[in-house]
PDB file of N, CA and C in Angstrom:
ATOM      1  N   MET A   1     -27.341 -17.693  -0.330  1.00  0.00           N
ATOM      2  CA  MET A   1     -26.232 -16.804  -0.580  1.00  0.00           C
ATOM      3  C   MET A   1     -25.318 -17.413  -1.645  1.00  0.00           C
ATOM      4  N   ARG A   2     -24.961 -16.607  -2.614  1.00  0.00           N
ATOM      5  CA  ARG A   2     -24.131 -17.078  -3.713  1.00  0.00           C
ATOM      6  C   ARG A   2     -22.678 -16.669  -3.487  1.00  0.00           C
ATOM      7  N   ILE A   3     -21.784 -17.644  -3.493  1.00  0.00           N
ATOM      8  CA  ILE A   3     -20.364 -17.362  -3.332  1.00  0.00           C
ATOM      9  C   ILE A   3     -19.771 -17.168  -4.717  1.00  0.00           C
ATOM     10  N   ARG A   4     -19.102 -16.052  -4.905  1.00  0.00           N
ATOM     11  CA  ARG A   4     -18.524 -15.744  -6.201  1.00  0.00           C
ATOM     12  C   ARG A   4     -17.010 -15.703  -6.091  1.00  0.00           C
ATOM     13  N   ARG A   5     -16.349 -16.526  -6.891  1.00  0.00           N
ATOM     14  CA  ARG A   5     -14.893 -16.545  -6.892  1.00  0.00           C
ATOM     15  C   ARG A   5     -14.372 -15.428  -7.778  1.00  0.00           C
ATOM     16  N   LYS A   6     -13.315 -14.787  -7.327  1.00  0.00           N
ATOM     17  CA  LYS A   6     -12.706 -13.710  -8.096  1.00  0.00           C
ATOM     18  C   LYS A   6     -11.537 -14.239  -8.912  1.00  0.00           C
ATOM     19  N   ASP A   7     -11.267 -13.544 -10.005  1.00  0.00           N
ATOM     20  CA  ASP A   7     -10.078 -13.851 -10.796  1.00  0.00           C
ATOM     21  C   ASP A   7      -8.837 -13.566  -9.956  1.00  0.00           C
ATOM     22  N   TRP A   8      -7.786 -14.319 -10.203  1.00  0.00           N
ATOM     23  CA  TRP A   8      -6.534 -14.087  -9.490  1.00  0.00           C
ATOM     24  C   TRP A   8      -5.989 -12.713  -9.863  1.00  0.00           C
ATOM     25  N   HIS A   9      -5.325 -12.094  -8.933  1.00  0.00           N
ATOM     26  CA  HIS A   9      -4.627 -10.838  -9.185  1.00  0.00           C
ATOM     27  C   HIS A   9      -3.409 -11.153 -10.047  1.00  0.00           C
ATOM     28  N   SER A  10      -3.038 -10.235 -10.921  1.00  0.00           N
ATOM     29  CA  SER A  10      -1.899 -10.474 -11.815  1.00  0.00           C
ATOM     30  C   SER A  10      -0.609 -10.772 -11.050  1.00  0.00           C
ATOM     31  N   ALA A  11      -0.418 -10.123  -9.901  1.00  0.00           N
ATOM     32  CA  ALA A  11       0.786 -10.377  -9.096  1.00  0.00           C
ATOM     33  C   ALA A  11       0.795 -11.806  -8.558  1.00  0.00           C
ATOM     34  N   ASP A  12      -0.384 -12.357  -8.270  1.00  0.00           N
ATOM     35  CA  ASP A  12      -0.465 -13.742  -7.787  1.00  0.00           C
ATOM     36  C   ASP A  12      -0.087 -14.733  -8.892  1.00  0.00           C
ATOM     37  N   ILE A  13      -0.497 -14.438 -10.114  1.00  0.00           N
ATOM     38  CA  ILE A  13      -0.150 -15.308 -11.245  1.00  0.00           C
ATOM     39  C   ILE A  13       1.361 -15.289 -11.466  1.00  0.00           C
ATOM     40  N   ILE A  14       1.934 -14.100 -11.473  1.00  0.00           N
ATOM     41  CA  ILE A  14       3.379 -13.952 -11.676  1.00  0.00           C
ATOM     42  C   ILE A  14       4.154 -14.619 -10.549  1.00  0.00           C
ATOM     43  N   ALA A  15       3.679 -14.466  -9.309  1.00  0.00           N
ATOM     44  CA  ALA A  15       4.353 -15.096  -8.163  1.00  0.00           C
ATOM     45  C   ALA A  15       4.302 -16.616  -8.261  1.00  0.00           C
ATOM     46  N   ARG A  16       3.168 -17.164  -8.695  1.00  0.00           N
ATOM     47  CA  ARG A  16       3.062 -18.623  -8.846  1.00  0.00           C
ATOM     48  C   ARG A  16       4.041 -19.137  -9.890  1.00  0.00           C
ATOM     49  N   LEU A  17       4.164 -18.395 -10.989  1.00  0.00           N
ATOM     50  CA  LEU A  17       5.120 -18.786 -12.026  1.00  0.00           C
ATOM     51  C   LEU A  17       6.546 -18.753 -11.476  1.00  0.00           C
ATOM     52  N   LYS A  18       6.863 -17.720 -10.706  1.00  0.00           N
ATOM     53  CA  LYS A  18       8.207 -17.618 -10.118  1.00  0.00           C
ATOM     54  C   LYS A  18       8.477 -18.770  -9.164  1.00  0.00           C
ATOM     55  N   LYS A  19       7.463 -19.180  -8.403  1.00  0.00           N
ATOM     56  CA  LYS A  19       7.623 -20.330  -7.503  1.00  0.00           C
ATOM     57  C   LYS A  19       7.900 -21.603  -8.294  1.00  0.00           C
ATOM     58  N   LYS A  20       7.411 -21.652  -9.524  1.00  0.00           N
ATOM     59  CA  LYS A  20       7.667 -22.803 -10.400  1.00  0.00           C
ATOM     60  C   LYS A  20       9.017 -22.660 -11.110  1.00  0.00           C
ATOM     61  N   GLY A  21       9.701 -21.549 -10.864  1.00  0.00           N
ATOM     62  CA  GLY A  21      11.029 -21.346 -11.437  1.00  0.00           C
ATOM     63  C   GLY A  21      11.048 -20.740 -12.825  1.00  0.00           C
ATOM     64  N   MET A  22       9.994 -20.000 -13.182  1.00  0.00           N
ATOM     65  CA  MET A  22       9.982 -19.373 -14.506  1.00  0.00           C
ATOM     66  C   MET A  22       9.360 -17.988 -14.438  1.00  0.00           C
ATOM     67  N   THR A  23       9.663 -17.198 -15.429  1.00  0.00           N
ATOM     68  CA  THR A  23       9.053 -15.875 -15.539  1.00  0.00           C
ATOM     69  C   THR A  23       8.026 -15.916 -16.665  1.00  0.00           C
ATOM     70  N   MET A  24       7.211 -14.890 -16.718  1.00  0.00           N
ATOM     71  CA  MET A  24       6.216 -14.786 -17.785  1.00  0.00           C
ATOM     72  C   MET A  24       6.926 -14.704 -19.141  1.00  0.00           C
ATOM     73  N   ALA A  25       8.032 -13.962 -19.202  1.00  0.00           N
ATOM     74  CA  ALA A  25       8.786 -13.826 -20.455  1.00  0.00           C
ATOM     75  C   ALA A  25       9.365 -15.169 -20.897  1.00  0.00           C
ATOM     76  N   GLU A  26       9.890 -15.947 -19.961  1.00  0.00           N
ATOM     77  CA  GLU A  26      10.443 -17.267 -20.301  1.00  0.00           C
ATOM     78  C   GLU A  26       9.357 -18.190 -20.842  1.00  0.00           C
ATOM     79  N   LEU A  27       8.219 -18.208 -20.161  1.00  0.00           N
ATOM     80  CA  LEU A  27       7.110 -19.050 -20.608  1.00  0.00           C
ATOM     81  C   LEU A  27       6.649 -18.620 -21.998  1.00  0.00           C
ATOM     82  N   SER A  28       6.593 -17.330 -22.215  1.00  0.00           N
ATOM     83  CA  SER A  28       6.186 -16.800 -23.507  1.00  0.00           C
ATOM     84  C   SER A  28       7.148 -17.249 -24.606  1.00  0.00           C
ATOM     85  N   ARG A  29       8.446 -17.121 -24.364  1.00  0.00           N
ATOM     86  CA  ARG A  29       9.443 -17.533 -25.365  1.00  0.00           C
ATOM     87  C   ARG A  29       9.420 -19.041 -25.591  1.00  0.00           C
ATOM     88  N   GLN A  30       9.250 -19.827 -24.511  1.00  0.00           N
ATOM     89  CA  GLN A  30       9.175 -21.290 -24.647  1.00  0.00           C
ATOM     90  C   GLN A  30       7.973 -21.706 -25.492  1.00  0.00           C
ATOM     91  N   SER A  31       6.951 -20.870 -25.490  1.00  0.00           N
ATOM     92  CA  SER A  31       5.725 -21.158 -26.245  1.00  0.00           C
ATOM     93  C   SER A  31       5.795 -20.646 -27.677  1.00  0.00           C
ATOM     94  N   GLY A  32       6.951 -20.095 -28.052  1.00  0.00           N
ATOM     95  CA  GLY A  32       7.132 -19.597 -29.408  1.00  0.00           C
ATOM     96  C   GLY A  32       6.576 -18.208 -29.638  1.00  0.00           C
ATOM     97  N   LEU A  33       6.391 -17.465 -28.565  1.00  0.00           N
ATOM     98  CA  LEU A  33       5.842 -16.117 -28.658  1.00  0.00           C
ATOM     99  C   LEU A  33       6.904 -15.090 -28.293  1.00  0.00           C
ATOM    100  N   SER A  34       6.635 -13.847 -28.585  1.00  0.00           N
ATOM    101  CA  SER A  34       7.504 -12.760 -28.156  1.00  0.00           C
ATOM    102  C   SER A  34       7.487 -12.716 -26.629  1.00  0.00           C
ATOM    103  N   SER A  35       8.546 -12.214 -26.034  1.00  0.00           N
ATOM    104  CA  SER A  35       8.674 -12.262 -24.574  1.00  0.00           C
ATOM    105  C   SER A  35       7.552 -11.553 -23.820  1.00  0.00           C
ATOM    106  N   SER A  36       6.934 -10.556 -24.414  1.00  0.00           N
ATOM    107  CA  SER A  36       5.873  -9.830 -23.703  1.00  0.00           C
ATOM    108  C   SER A  36       4.460 -10.223 -24.125  1.00  0.00           C
ATOM    109  N   THR A  37       4.328 -11.067 -25.122  1.00  0.00           N
ATOM    110  CA  THR A  37       3.008 -11.409 -25.669  1.00  0.00           C
ATOM    111  C   THR A  37       2.100 -12.094 -24.659  1.00  0.00           C
ATOM    112  N   LEU A  38       2.633 -13.026 -23.905  1.00  0.00           N
ATOM    113  CA  LEU A  38       1.805 -13.814 -22.991  1.00  0.00           C
ATOM    114  C   LEU A  38       1.200 -12.969 -21.873  1.00  0.00           C
ATOM    115  N   ALA A  39       1.819 -11.852 -21.557  1.00  0.00           N
ATOM    116  CA  ALA A  39       1.279 -10.965 -20.518  1.00  0.00           C
ATOM    117  C   ALA A  39      -0.098 -10.420 -20.896  1.00  0.00           C
ATOM    118  N   ASN A  40      -0.431 -10.431 -22.176  1.00  0.00           N
ATOM    119  CA  ASN A  40      -1.753  -9.964 -22.603  1.00  0.00           C
ATOM    120  C   ASN A  40      -2.877 -10.777 -21.976  1.00  0.00           C
ATOM    121  N   ALA A  41      -2.647 -12.054 -21.759  1.00  0.00           N
ATOM    122  CA  ALA A  41      -3.690 -12.917 -21.193  1.00  0.00           C
ATOM    123  C   ALA A  41      -4.030 -12.535 -19.761  1.00  0.00           C
ATOM    124  N   ILE A  42      -3.128 -11.864 -19.093  1.00  0.00           N
ATOM    125  CA  ILE A  42      -3.394 -11.463 -17.707  1.00  0.00           C
ATOM    126  C   ILE A  42      -4.392 -10.315 -17.658  1.00  0.00           C
ATOM    127  N   VAL A  43      -4.303  -9.404 -18.611  1.00  0.00           N
ATOM    128  CA  VAL A  43      -5.145  -8.208 -18.557  1.00  0.00           C
ATOM    129  C   VAL A  43      -6.372  -8.245 -19.458  1.00  0.00           C
ATOM    130  N   ARG A  44      -6.397  -9.168 -20.429  1.00  0.00           N
ATOM    131  CA  ARG A  44      -7.570  -9.260 -21.301  1.00  0.00           C
ATOM    132  C   ARG A  44      -7.783 -10.711 -21.719  1.00  0.00           C
ATOM    133  N   PRO A  45      -9.011 -11.077 -22.008  1.00  0.00           N
ATOM    134  CA  PRO A  45      -9.279 -12.462 -22.408  1.00  0.00           C
ATOM    135  C   PRO A  45      -8.526 -12.860 -23.679  1.00  0.00           C
ATOM    136  N   TRP A  46      -7.806 -13.964 -23.575  1.00  0.00           N
ATOM    137  CA  TRP A  46      -7.087 -14.546 -24.710  1.00  0.00           C
ATOM    138  C   TRP A  46      -6.922 -16.033 -24.400  1.00  0.00           C
ATOM    139  N   PRO A  47      -7.826 -16.873 -24.889  1.00  0.00           N
ATOM    140  CA  PRO A  47      -7.818 -18.291 -24.525  1.00  0.00           C
ATOM    141  C   PRO A  47      -6.484 -19.004 -24.700  1.00  0.00           C
ATOM    142  N   LYS A  48      -5.798 -18.783 -25.810  1.00  0.00           N
ATOM    143  CA  LYS A  48      -4.523 -19.476 -26.017  1.00  0.00           C
ATOM    144  C   LYS A  48      -3.540 -19.143 -24.896  1.00  0.00           C
ATOM    145  N   GLY A  49      -3.405 -17.867 -24.577  1.00  0.00           N
ATOM    146  CA  GLY A  49      -2.493 -17.455 -23.516  1.00  0.00           C
ATOM    147  C   GLY A  49      -2.919 -17.961 -22.150  1.00  0.00           C
ATOM    148  N   GLU A  50      -4.221 -17.959 -21.901  1.00  0.00           N
ATOM    149  CA  GLU A  50      -4.740 -18.444 -20.618  1.00  0.00           C
ATOM    150  C   GLU A  50      -4.405 -19.917 -20.429  1.00  0.00           C
ATOM    151  N   TRP A  51      -4.562 -20.709 -21.508  1.00  0.00           N
ATOM    152  CA  TRP A  51      -4.261 -22.140 -21.419  1.00  0.00           C
ATOM    153  C   TRP A  51      -2.771 -22.378 -21.221  1.00  0.00           C
ATOM    154  N   LEU A  52      -1.924 -21.565 -21.848  1.00  0.00           N
ATOM    155  CA  LEU A  52      -0.476 -21.721 -21.676  1.00  0.00           C
ATOM    156  C   LEU A  52      -0.057 -21.420 -20.236  1.00  0.00           C
ATOM    157  N   ILE A  53      -0.583 -20.340 -19.687  1.00  0.00           N
ATOM    158  CA  ILE A  53      -0.247 -19.969 -18.306  1.00  0.00           C
ATOM    159  C   ILE A  53      -0.775 -21.018 -17.339  1.00  0.00           C
ATOM    160  N   ALA A  54      -2.031 -21.388 -17.498  1.00  0.00           N
ATOM    161  CA  ALA A  54      -2.631 -22.387 -16.606  1.00  0.00           C
ATOM    162  C   ALA A  54      -1.896 -23.720 -16.701  1.00  0.00           C
ATOM    163  N   GLY A  55      -1.512 -24.111 -17.905  1.00  0.00           N
ATOM    164  CA  GLY A  55      -0.777 -25.360 -18.084  1.00  0.00           C
ATOM    165  C   GLY A  55       0.551 -25.348 -17.349  1.00  0.00           C
ATOM    166  N   ALA A  56       1.231 -24.208 -17.370  1.00  0.00           N
ATOM    167  CA  ALA A  56       2.508 -24.090 -16.659  1.00  0.00           C
ATOM    168  C   ALA A  56       2.313 -24.220 -15.153  1.00  0.00           C
ATOM    169  N   LEU A  57       1.119 -23.876 -14.679  1.00  0.00           N
ATOM    170  CA  LEU A  57       0.815 -23.956 -13.245  1.00  0.00           C
ATOM    171  C   LEU A  57       0.057 -25.237 -12.886  1.00  0.00           C
ATOM    172  N   ASN A  58      -0.121 -26.120 -13.859  1.00  0.00           N
ATOM    173  CA  ASN A  58      -0.870 -27.373 -13.664  1.00  0.00           C
ATOM    174  C   ASN A  58      -2.288 -27.121 -13.163  1.00  0.00           C
ATOM    175  N   LEU A  59      -2.942 -26.132 -13.751  1.00  0.00           N
ATOM    176  CA  LEU A  59      -4.309 -25.768 -13.392  1.00  0.00           C
ATOM    177  C   LEU A  59      -5.158 -25.668 -14.650  1.00  0.00           C
ATOM    178  N   HIS A  60      -6.468 -25.631 -14.456  1.00  0.00           N
ATOM    179  CA  HIS A  60      -7.388 -25.303 -15.546  1.00  0.00           C
ATOM    180  C   HIS A  60      -7.529 -23.779 -15.529  1.00  0.00           C
ATOM    181  N   PRO A  61      -7.606 -23.134 -16.681  1.00  0.00           N
ATOM    182  CA  PRO A  61      -7.732 -21.676 -16.694  1.00  0.00           C
ATOM    183  C   PRO A  61      -8.912 -21.143 -15.880  1.00  0.00           C
ATOM    184  N   ALA A  62      -9.964 -21.923 -15.733  1.00  0.00           N
ATOM    185  CA  ALA A  62     -11.128 -21.480 -14.960  1.00  0.00           C
ATOM    186  C   ALA A  62     -10.792 -21.277 -13.489  1.00  0.00           C
ATOM    187  N   GLU A  63      -9.745 -21.923 -13.003  1.00  0.00           N
ATOM    188  CA  GLU A  63      -9.340 -21.721 -11.616  1.00  0.00           C
ATOM    189  C   GLU A  63      -8.666 -20.368 -11.432  1.00  0.00           C
ATOM    190  N   ILE A  64      -8.031 -19.868 -12.479  1.00  0.00           N
ATOM    191  CA  ILE A  64      -7.344 -18.578 -12.415  1.00  0.00           C
ATOM    192  C   ILE A  64      -8.285 -17.441 -12.801  1.00  0.00           C
ATOM    193  N   TRP A  65      -9.086 -17.666 -13.840  1.00  0.00           N
ATOM    194  CA  TRP A  65     -10.001 -16.638 -14.356  1.00  0.00           C
ATOM    195  C   TRP A  65     -11.435 -17.152 -14.372  1.00  0.00           C
ATOM    196  N   PRO A  66     -12.075 -17.333 -13.233  1.00  0.00           N
ATOM    197  CA  PRO A  66     -13.455 -17.844 -13.238  1.00  0.00           C
ATOM    198  C   PRO A  66     -14.425 -16.952 -14.014  1.00  0.00           C
ATOM    199  N   SER A  67     -14.203 -15.648 -14.017  1.00  0.00           N
ATOM    200  CA  SER A  67     -15.122 -14.754 -14.735  1.00  0.00           C
ATOM    201  C   SER A  67     -15.097 -14.985 -16.240  1.00  0.00           C
ATOM    202  N   ARG A  68     -14.019 -15.543 -16.744  1.00  0.00           N
ATOM    203  CA  ARG A  68     -13.893 -15.783 -18.181  1.00  0.00           C
ATOM    204  C   ARG A  68     -14.400 -17.160 -18.595  1.00  0.00           C
ATOM    205  N   TYR A  69     -14.550 -18.056 -17.641  1.00  0.00           N
ATOM    206  CA  TYR A  69     -14.872 -19.444 -17.984  1.00  0.00           C
ATOM    207  C   TYR A  69     -16.203 -19.957 -17.452  1.00  0.00           C
ATOM    208  N   TYR A  70     -16.821 -19.269 -16.512  1.00  0.00           N
ATOM    209  CA  TYR A  70     -18.100 -19.734 -15.984  1.00  0.00           C
ATOM    210  C   TYR A  70     -19.222 -18.844 -16.478  1.00  0.00           C
ATOM    211  N   ASP A  71     -20.272 -19.463 -16.958  1.00  0.00           N
ATOM    212  CA  ASP A  71     -21.457 -18.742 -17.400  1.00  0.00           C
ATOM    213  C   ASP A  71     -22.303 -18.451 -16.165  1.00  0.00           C
ATOM    214  N   PRO A  72     -22.533 -17.180 -15.831  1.00  0.00           N
ATOM    215  CA  PRO A  72     -23.289 -16.855 -14.616  1.00  0.00           C
ATOM    216  C   PRO A  72     -24.744 -17.316 -14.655  1.00  0.00           C
ATOM    217  N   LYS A  73     -25.316 -17.439 -15.856  1.00  0.00           N
ATOM    218  CA  LYS A  73     -26.712 -17.868 -15.957  1.00  0.00           C
ATOM    219  C   LYS A  73     -26.862 -19.358 -15.699  1.00  0.00           C
ATOM    220  N   THR A  74     -26.011 -20.153 -16.326  1.00  0.00           N
ATOM    221  CA  THR A  74     -26.130 -21.607 -16.181  1.00  0.00           C
ATOM    222  C   THR A  74     -25.226 -22.163 -15.083  1.00  0.00           C
ATOM    223  N   ARG A  75     -24.295 -21.331 -14.623  1.00  0.00           N
ATOM    224  CA  ARG A  75     -23.306 -21.740 -13.614  1.00  0.00           C
ATOM    225  C   ARG A  75     -22.485 -22.943 -14.076  1.00  0.00           C
ATOM    226  N   SER A  76     -22.287 -23.007 -15.374  1.00  0.00           N
ATOM    227  CA  SER A  76     -21.492 -24.106 -15.922  1.00  0.00           C
ATOM    228  C   SER A  76     -20.267 -23.547 -16.643  1.00  0.00           C
ATOM    229  N   LEU A  77     -19.349 -24.429 -16.914  1.00  0.00           N
ATOM    230  CA  LEU A  77     -18.103 -24.073 -17.571  1.00  0.00           C
ATOM    231  C   LEU A  77     -18.345 -23.810 -19.056  1.00  0.00           C
ATOM    232  N   ARG A  78     -17.836 -22.684 -19.559  1.00  0.00           N
ATOM    233  CA  ARG A  78     -17.932 -22.353 -20.981  1.00  0.00           C
ATOM    234  C   ARG A  78     -16.787 -23.015 -21.730  1.00  0.00           C
ATOM    235  N   ASP A  79     -17.036 -23.396 -22.962  1.00  0.00           N
ATOM    236  CA  ASP A  79     -15.985 -23.959 -23.811  1.00  0.00           C
ATOM    237  C   ASP A  79     -15.244 -22.807 -24.472  1.00  0.00           C
ATOM    238  N   ARG A  80     -14.014 -22.549 -24.029  1.00  0.00           N
ATOM    239  CA  ARG A  80     -13.232 -21.450 -24.595  1.00  0.00           C
ATOM    240  C   ARG A  80     -11.893 -21.942 -25.113  1.00  0.00           C
ATOM    241  N   LYS A  81     -11.829 -23.173 -25.578  1.00  0.00           N
ATOM    242  CA  LYS A  81     -10.565 -23.684 -26.104  1.00  0.00           C
ATOM    243  C   LYS A  81     -10.241 -23.001 -27.422  1.00  0.00           C
ATOM    244  N   VAL A  82      -8.988 -22.991 -27.753  1.00  0.00           N
ATOM    245  CA  VAL A  82      -8.535 -22.386 -28.995  1.00  0.00           C
ATOM    246  C   VAL A  82      -9.025 -23.239 -30.154  1.00  0.00           C
ATOM    247  N   ARG A  83      -9.646 -22.608 -31.113  1.00  0.00           N
ATOM    248  CA  ARG A  83     -10.170 -23.329 -32.268  1.00  0.00           C
ATOM    249  C   ARG A  83      -9.193 -23.207 -33.431  1.00  0.00           C
ATOM    250  N   LEU A  84      -8.971 -24.323 -34.111  1.00  0.00           N
ATOM    251  CA  LEU A  84      -8.072 -24.337 -35.255  1.00  0.00           C
ATOM    252  C   LEU A  84      -8.888 -24.271 -36.538  1.00  0.00           C
ATOM    253  N   PRO A  85      -8.394 -23.555 -37.547  1.00  0.00           N
ATOM    254  CA  PRO A  85      -9.153 -23.475 -38.800  1.00  0.00           C
ATOM    255  C   PRO A  85      -9.151 -24.809 -39.530  1.00  0.00           C
ATOM    256  N   ALA A  86     -10.219 -25.053 -40.259  1.00  0.00           N
ATOM    257  CA  ALA A  86     -10.319 -26.275 -41.056  1.00  0.00           C
ATOM    258  C   ALA A  86      -9.430 -26.137 -42.286  1.00  0.00           C
ATOM    259  N   ALA A  87      -8.984 -27.252 -42.801  1.00  0.00           N
ATOM    260  CA  ALA A  87      -8.193 -27.243 -44.037  1.00  0.00           C
ATOM    261  C   ALA A  87      -9.074 -26.776 -45.185  1.00  0.00           C
ATOM    262  N   LYS A  88      -8.465 -26.206 -46.204  1.00  0.00           N
ATOM    263  CA  LYS A  88      -9.247 -25.753 -47.362  1.00  0.00           C
ATOM    264  C   LYS A  88      -9.720 -26.966 -48.146  1.00  0.00           C
ATOM    265  N   ASP A  89     -10.873 -27.430 -47.772  1.00  0.00           N
ATOM    266  CA  ASP A  89     -11.457 -28.623 -48.366  1.00  0.00           C
ATOM    267  C   ASP A  89     -12.853 -28.242 -48.854  1.00  0.00           C
ATOM    268  N   PRO A  90     -13.166 -28.432 -50.128  1.00  0.00           N
ATOM    269  CA  PRO A  90     -14.498 -28.051 -50.612  1.00  0.00           C
ATOM    270  C   PRO A  90     -15.627 -28.801 -49.916  1.00  0.00           C
ATOM    271  N   GLU A  91     -15.338 -29.951 -49.337  1.00  0.00           N
ATOM    272  CA  GLU A  91     -16.346 -30.745 -48.633  1.00  0.00           C
ATOM    273  C   GLU A  91     -16.558 -30.255 -47.199  1.00  0.00           C
ATOM    274  N   SER A  92     -15.630 -29.429 -46.694  1.00  0.00           N
ATOM    275  CA  SER A  92     -15.685 -28.988 -45.301  1.00  0.00           C
ATOM    276  C   SER A  92     -16.826 -27.991 -45.093  1.00  0.00           C
ATOM    277  N   PRO A  93     -17.637 -28.187 -44.038  1.00  0.00           N
ATOM    278  CA  PRO A  93     -18.721 -27.246 -43.747  1.00  0.00           C
ATOM    279  C   PRO A  93     -18.201 -25.952 -43.129  1.00  0.00           C
ATOM    280  N   LEU A  94     -16.915 -25.943 -42.718  1.00  0.00           N
ATOM    281  CA  LEU A  94     -16.340 -24.759 -42.093  1.00  0.00           C
ATOM    282  C   LEU A  94     -15.594 -23.928 -43.119  1.00  0.00           C
ATOM    283  N   ASP A  95     -15.721 -22.630 -43.013  1.00  0.00           N
ATOM    284  CA  ASP A  95     -15.003 -21.726 -43.890  1.00  0.00           C
ATOM    285  C   ASP A  95     -13.704 -21.328 -43.194  1.00  0.00           C
ATOM    286  N   PRO A  96     -12.535 -21.764 -43.698  1.00  0.00           N
ATOM    287  CA  PRO A  96     -11.280 -21.445 -43.023  1.00  0.00           C
ATOM    288  C   PRO A  96     -10.954 -19.957 -43.042  1.00  0.00           C
ATOM    289  N   GLU A  97     -11.612 -19.188 -43.899  1.00  0.00           N
ATOM    290  CA  GLU A  97     -11.375 -17.750 -43.963  1.00  0.00           C
ATOM    291  C   GLU A  97     -12.241 -16.978 -42.953  1.00  0.00           C
ATOM    292  N   ALA A  98     -13.204 -17.653 -42.354  1.00  0.00           N
ATOM    293  CA  ALA A  98     -14.103 -16.996 -41.403  1.00  0.00           C
ATOM    294  C   ALA A  98     -13.355 -16.664 -40.120  1.00  0.00           C
ATOM    295  N   PRO A  99     -13.710 -15.542 -39.473  1.00  0.00           N
ATOM    296  CA  PRO A  99     -13.034 -15.190 -38.216  1.00  0.00           C
ATOM    297  C   PRO A  99     -13.418 -16.158 -37.099  1.00  0.00           C
ATOM    298  N   PHE A 100     -12.518 -16.307 -36.138  1.00  0.00           N
ATOM    299  CA  PHE A 100     -12.795 -17.159 -34.985  1.00  0.00           C
ATOM    300  C   PHE A 100     -13.753 -16.437 -34.052  1.00  0.00           C
ATOM    301  N   VAL A 101     -14.558 -17.200 -33.361  1.00  0.00           N
ATOM    302  CA  VAL A 101     -15.500 -16.644 -32.401  1.00  0.00           C
ATOM    303  C   VAL A 101     -15.083 -17.100 -31.020  1.00  0.00           C
ATOM    304  N   ASP A 102     -14.868 -16.161 -30.118  1.00  0.00           N
ATOM    305  CA  ASP A 102     -14.504 -16.476 -28.747  1.00  0.00           C
ATOM    306  C   ASP A 102     -15.786 -16.704 -27.967  1.00  0.00           C
ATOM    307  N   LEU A 103     -15.994 -17.920 -27.505  1.00  0.00           N
ATOM    308  CA  LEU A 103     -17.230 -18.245 -26.776  1.00  0.00           C
ATOM    309  C   LEU A 103     -17.181 -17.788 -25.354  1.00  0.00           C
TER     310      LEU A 103
END
């Protein structure tokens, strides 16, 4: 029998933040974002927002959103960290103009 963990309900995430003494809007502003921007991570995959919320709760994002971080085929953790563009260097194998790929 396979036990499958569910993603946290949005109300549970908000309640945990409140127990830590902050609101989603406060965390968003502290992170340099608009007050409502961080709420996007609750309803749709957005690695940067997920890491900010999880960090405020002292958790790994996979504990809050297992469906976004675990590969069901390999049952291993997916690498979904925010990727930074490479500097415009002719020697760089990465194209800084290329779109980011969410793994």
